[in-house]
Amino acid sequence: MTKHSGGKVGKAGKILSSKNTSNSAKSKAGKTLKNHQDKKH
């Protein structure tokens, strides 16, 4: 997977890769990344 840095997608990636993030934040970040992949890749 391409590494994204900066912007909404990069932030979502950081949230997902962080170990001490709440599950609700992770699911939101996961949705953001999924939407991005569907649109851009």
PDB file of N, CA and C in Angstrom:
ATOM      1  N   MET A   1       0.832  -1.197   0.000  1.00  0.00           N
ATOM      2  CA  MET A   1       0.000   0.000   0.000  1.00  0.00           C
ATOM      3  C   MET A   1       0.870   1.252   0.000  1.00  0.00           C
ATOM      4  N   THR A   2       0.465   2.211  -0.766  1.00  0.00           N
ATOM      5  CA  THR A   2       1.205   3.460  -0.836  1.00  0.00           C
ATOM      6  C   THR A   2       1.099   4.208   0.470  1.00  0.00           C
ATOM      7  N   LYS A   3       2.214   4.788   0.899  1.00  0.00           N
ATOM      8  CA  LYS A   3       2.176   5.552   2.144  1.00  0.00           C
ATOM      9  C   LYS A   3       1.696   6.960   1.840  1.00  0.00           C
ATOM     10  N   HIS A   4       0.641   7.345   2.512  1.00  0.00           N
ATOM     11  CA  HIS A   4       0.140   8.711   2.359  1.00  0.00           C
ATOM     12  C   HIS A   4       0.618   9.535   3.535  1.00  0.00           C
ATOM     13  N   SER A   5       1.011  10.766   3.263  1.00  0.00           N
ATOM     14  CA  SER A   5       1.370  11.631   4.372  1.00  0.00           C
ATOM     15  C   SER A   5       0.659  12.959   4.214  1.00  0.00           C
ATOM     16  N   GLY A   6       0.185  13.482   5.308  1.00  0.00           N
ATOM     17  CA  GLY A   6      -0.518  14.758   5.294  1.00  0.00           C
ATOM     18  C   GLY A   6      -1.967  14.609   4.890  1.00  0.00           C
ATOM     19  N   GLY A   7      -2.755  15.613   5.169  1.00  0.00           N
ATOM     20  CA  GLY A   7      -4.157  15.616   4.774  1.00  0.00           C
ATOM     21  C   GLY A   7      -4.994  14.639   5.576  1.00  0.00           C
ATOM     22  N   LYS A   8      -6.235  14.507   5.176  1.00  0.00           N
ATOM     23  CA  LYS A   8      -7.193  13.668   5.902  1.00  0.00           C
ATOM     24  C   LYS A   8      -6.791  12.207   5.857  1.00  0.00           C
ATOM     25  N   VAL A   9      -6.304  11.758   4.698  1.00  0.00           N
ATOM     26  CA  VAL A   9      -5.985  10.344   4.522  1.00  0.00           C
ATOM     27  C   VAL A   9      -4.755   9.959   5.334  1.00  0.00           C
ATOM     28  N   GLY A  10      -3.753  10.824   5.326  1.00  0.00           N
ATOM     29  CA  GLY A  10      -2.554  10.563   6.114  1.00  0.00           C
ATOM     30  C   GLY A  10      -2.866  10.506   7.593  1.00  0.00           C
ATOM     31  N   LYS A  11      -3.734  11.394   8.029  1.00  0.00           N
ATOM     32  CA  LYS A  11      -4.145  11.406   9.434  1.00  0.00           C
ATOM     33  C   LYS A  11      -4.877  10.122   9.792  1.00  0.00           C
ATOM     34  N   ALA A  12      -5.764   9.697   8.906  1.00  0.00           N
ATOM     35  CA  ALA A  12      -6.504   8.452   9.135  1.00  0.00           C
ATOM     36  C   ALA A  12      -5.544   7.270   9.238  1.00  0.00           C
ATOM     37  N   GLY A  13      -4.541   7.255   8.381  1.00  0.00           N
ATOM     38  CA  GLY A  13      -3.542   6.187   8.426  1.00  0.00           C
ATOM     39  C   GLY A  13      -2.784   6.169   9.734  1.00  0.00           C
ATOM     40  N   LYS A  14      -2.443   7.355  10.231  1.00  0.00           N
ATOM     41  CA  LYS A  14      -1.729   7.449  11.509  1.00  0.00           C
ATOM     42  C   LYS A  14      -2.602   6.941  12.649  1.00  0.00           C
ATOM     43  N   ILE A  15      -3.890   7.295  12.610  1.00  0.00           N
ATOM     44  CA  ILE A  15      -4.820   6.840  13.652  1.00  0.00           C
ATOM     45  C   ILE A  15      -4.906   5.316  13.644  1.00  0.00           C
ATOM     46  N   LEU A  16      -5.008   4.750  12.450  1.00  0.00           N
ATOM     47  CA  LEU A  16      -5.143   3.296  12.343  1.00  0.00           C
ATOM     48  C   LEU A  16      -3.871   2.574  12.782  1.00  0.00           C
ATOM     49  N   SER A  17      -2.722   3.151  12.502  1.00  0.00           N
ATOM     50  CA  SER A  17      -1.485   2.462  12.842  1.00  0.00           C
ATOM     51  C   SER A  17      -1.097   2.679  14.305  1.00  0.00           C
ATOM     52  N   SER A  18      -1.739   3.645  14.947  1.00  0.00           N
ATOM     53  CA  SER A  18      -1.453   3.896  16.358  1.00  0.00           C
ATOM     54  C   SER A  18      -2.083   2.821  17.228  1.00  0.00           C
ATOM     55  N   LYS A  19      -1.332   2.376  18.242  1.00  0.00           N
ATOM     56  CA  LYS A  19      -1.833   1.284  19.084  1.00  0.00           C
ATOM     57  C   LYS A  19      -2.792   1.775  20.162  1.00  0.00           C
ATOM     58  N   ASN A  20      -2.672   3.013  20.566  1.00  0.00           N
ATOM     59  CA  ASN A  20      -3.505   3.486  21.676  1.00  0.00           C
ATOM     60  C   ASN A  20      -4.607   4.428  21.188  1.00  0.00           C
ATOM     61  N   THR A  21      -5.362   3.965  20.200  1.00  0.00           N
ATOM     62  CA  THR A  21      -6.483   4.728  19.675  1.00  0.00           C
ATOM     63  C   THR A  21      -7.775   3.988  19.980  1.00  0.00           C
ATOM     64  N   SER A  22      -8.820   4.714  20.298  1.00  0.00           N
ATOM     65  CA  SER A  22     -10.102   4.081  20.596  1.00  0.00           C
ATOM     66  C   SER A  22     -10.673   3.427  19.346  1.00  0.00           C
ATOM     67  N   ASN A  23     -11.520   2.431  19.560  1.00  0.00           N
ATOM     68  CA  ASN A  23     -12.102   1.704  18.433  1.00  0.00           C
ATOM     69  C   ASN A  23     -12.993   2.581  17.573  1.00  0.00           C
ATOM     70  N   SER A  24     -13.712   3.505  18.195  1.00  0.00           N
ATOM     71  CA  SER A  24     -14.589   4.370  17.396  1.00  0.00           C
ATOM     72  C   SER A  24     -13.762   5.261  16.476  1.00  0.00           C
ATOM     73  N   ALA A  25     -12.645   5.758  16.979  1.00  0.00           N
ATOM     74  CA  ALA A  25     -11.761   6.573  16.143  1.00  0.00           C
ATOM     75  C   ALA A  25     -11.189   5.729  15.011  1.00  0.00           C
ATOM     76  N   LYS A  26     -10.849   4.488  15.316  1.00  0.00           N
ATOM     77  CA  LYS A  26     -10.289   3.600  14.299  1.00  0.00           C
ATOM     78  C   LYS A  26     -11.293   3.295  13.207  1.00  0.00           C
ATOM     79  N   SER A  27     -12.551   3.068  13.587  1.00  0.00           N
ATOM     80  CA  SER A  27     -13.547   2.737  12.567  1.00  0.00           C
ATOM     81  C   SER A  27     -13.809   3.940  11.680  1.00  0.00           C
ATOM     82  N   LYS A  28     -13.800   5.121  12.271  1.00  0.00           N
ATOM     83  CA  LYS A  28     -13.976   6.343  11.488  1.00  0.00           C
ATOM     84  C   LYS A  28     -12.801   6.523  10.514  1.00  0.00           C
ATOM     85  N   ALA A  29     -11.596   6.303  11.007  1.00  0.00           N
ATOM     86  CA  ALA A  29     -10.413   6.417  10.164  1.00  0.00           C
ATOM     87  C   ALA A  29     -10.438   5.362   9.063  1.00  0.00           C
ATOM     88  N   GLY A  30     -10.880   4.168   9.396  1.00  0.00           N
ATOM     89  CA  GLY A  30     -10.979   3.103   8.417  1.00  0.00           C
ATOM     90  C   GLY A  30     -11.934   3.472   7.292  1.00  0.00           C
ATOM     91  N   LYS A  31     -13.054   4.087   7.652  1.00  0.00           N
ATOM     92  CA  LYS A  31     -14.014   4.523   6.642  1.00  0.00           C
ATOM     93  C   LYS A  31     -13.406   5.586   5.745  1.00  0.00           C
ATOM     94  N   THR A  32     -12.681   6.515   6.352  1.00  0.00           N
ATOM     95  CA  THR A  32     -12.035   7.570   5.572  1.00  0.00           C
ATOM     96  C   THR A  32     -11.075   6.966   4.546  1.00  0.00           C
ATOM     97  N   LEU A  33     -10.255   6.025   4.999  1.00  0.00           N
ATOM     98  CA  LEU A  33      -9.300   5.389   4.099  1.00  0.00           C
ATOM     99  C   LEU A  33     -10.010   4.584   3.010  1.00  0.00           C
ATOM    100  N   LYS A  34     -11.065   3.874   3.389  1.00  0.00           N
ATOM    101  CA  LYS A  34     -11.812   3.069   2.425  1.00  0.00           C
ATOM    102  C   LYS A  34     -12.428   3.961   1.344  1.00  0.00           C
ATOM    103  N   ASN A  35     -13.041   5.052   1.778  1.00  0.00           N
ATOM    104  CA  ASN A  35     -13.633   5.994   0.814  1.00  0.00           C
ATOM    105  C   ASN A  35     -12.591   6.526  -0.137  1.00  0.00           C
ATOM    106  N   HIS A  36     -11.428   6.849   0.400  1.00  0.00           N
ATOM    107  CA  HIS A  36     -10.351   7.376  -0.422  1.00  0.00           C
ATOM    108  C   HIS A  36      -9.892   6.337  -1.446  1.00  0.00           C
ATOM    109  N   GLN A  37      -9.734   5.107  -1.003  1.00  0.00           N
ATOM    110  CA  GLN A  37      -9.296   4.057  -1.923  1.00  0.00           C
ATOM    111  C   GLN A  37     -10.318   3.848  -3.035  1.00  0.00           C
ATOM    112  N   ASP A  38     -11.592   3.837  -2.650  1.00  0.00           N
ATOM    113  CA  ASP A  38     -12.639   3.631  -3.664  1.00  0.00           C
ATOM    114  C   ASP A  38     -12.625   4.736  -4.710  1.00  0.00           C
ATOM    115  N   LYS A  39     -12.365   5.955  -4.277  1.00  0.00           N
ATOM    116  CA  LYS A  39     -12.419   7.087  -5.208  1.00  0.00           C
ATOM    117  C   LYS A  39     -11.152   7.258  -6.019  1.00  0.00           C
ATOM    118  N   LYS A  40      -9.992   7.068  -5.378  1.00  0.00           N
ATOM    119  CA  LYS A  40      -8.743   7.490  -6.010  1.00  0.00           C
ATOM    120  C   LYS A  40      -7.905   6.368  -6.589  1.00  0.00           C
ATOM    121  N   HIS A  41      -8.137   5.125  -6.175  1.00  0.00           N
ATOM    122  CA  HIS A  41      -7.232   4.039  -6.599  1.00  0.00           C
ATOM    123  C   HIS A  41      -7.950   2.992  -7.445  1.00  0.00           C
TER     124      HIS A  41
END
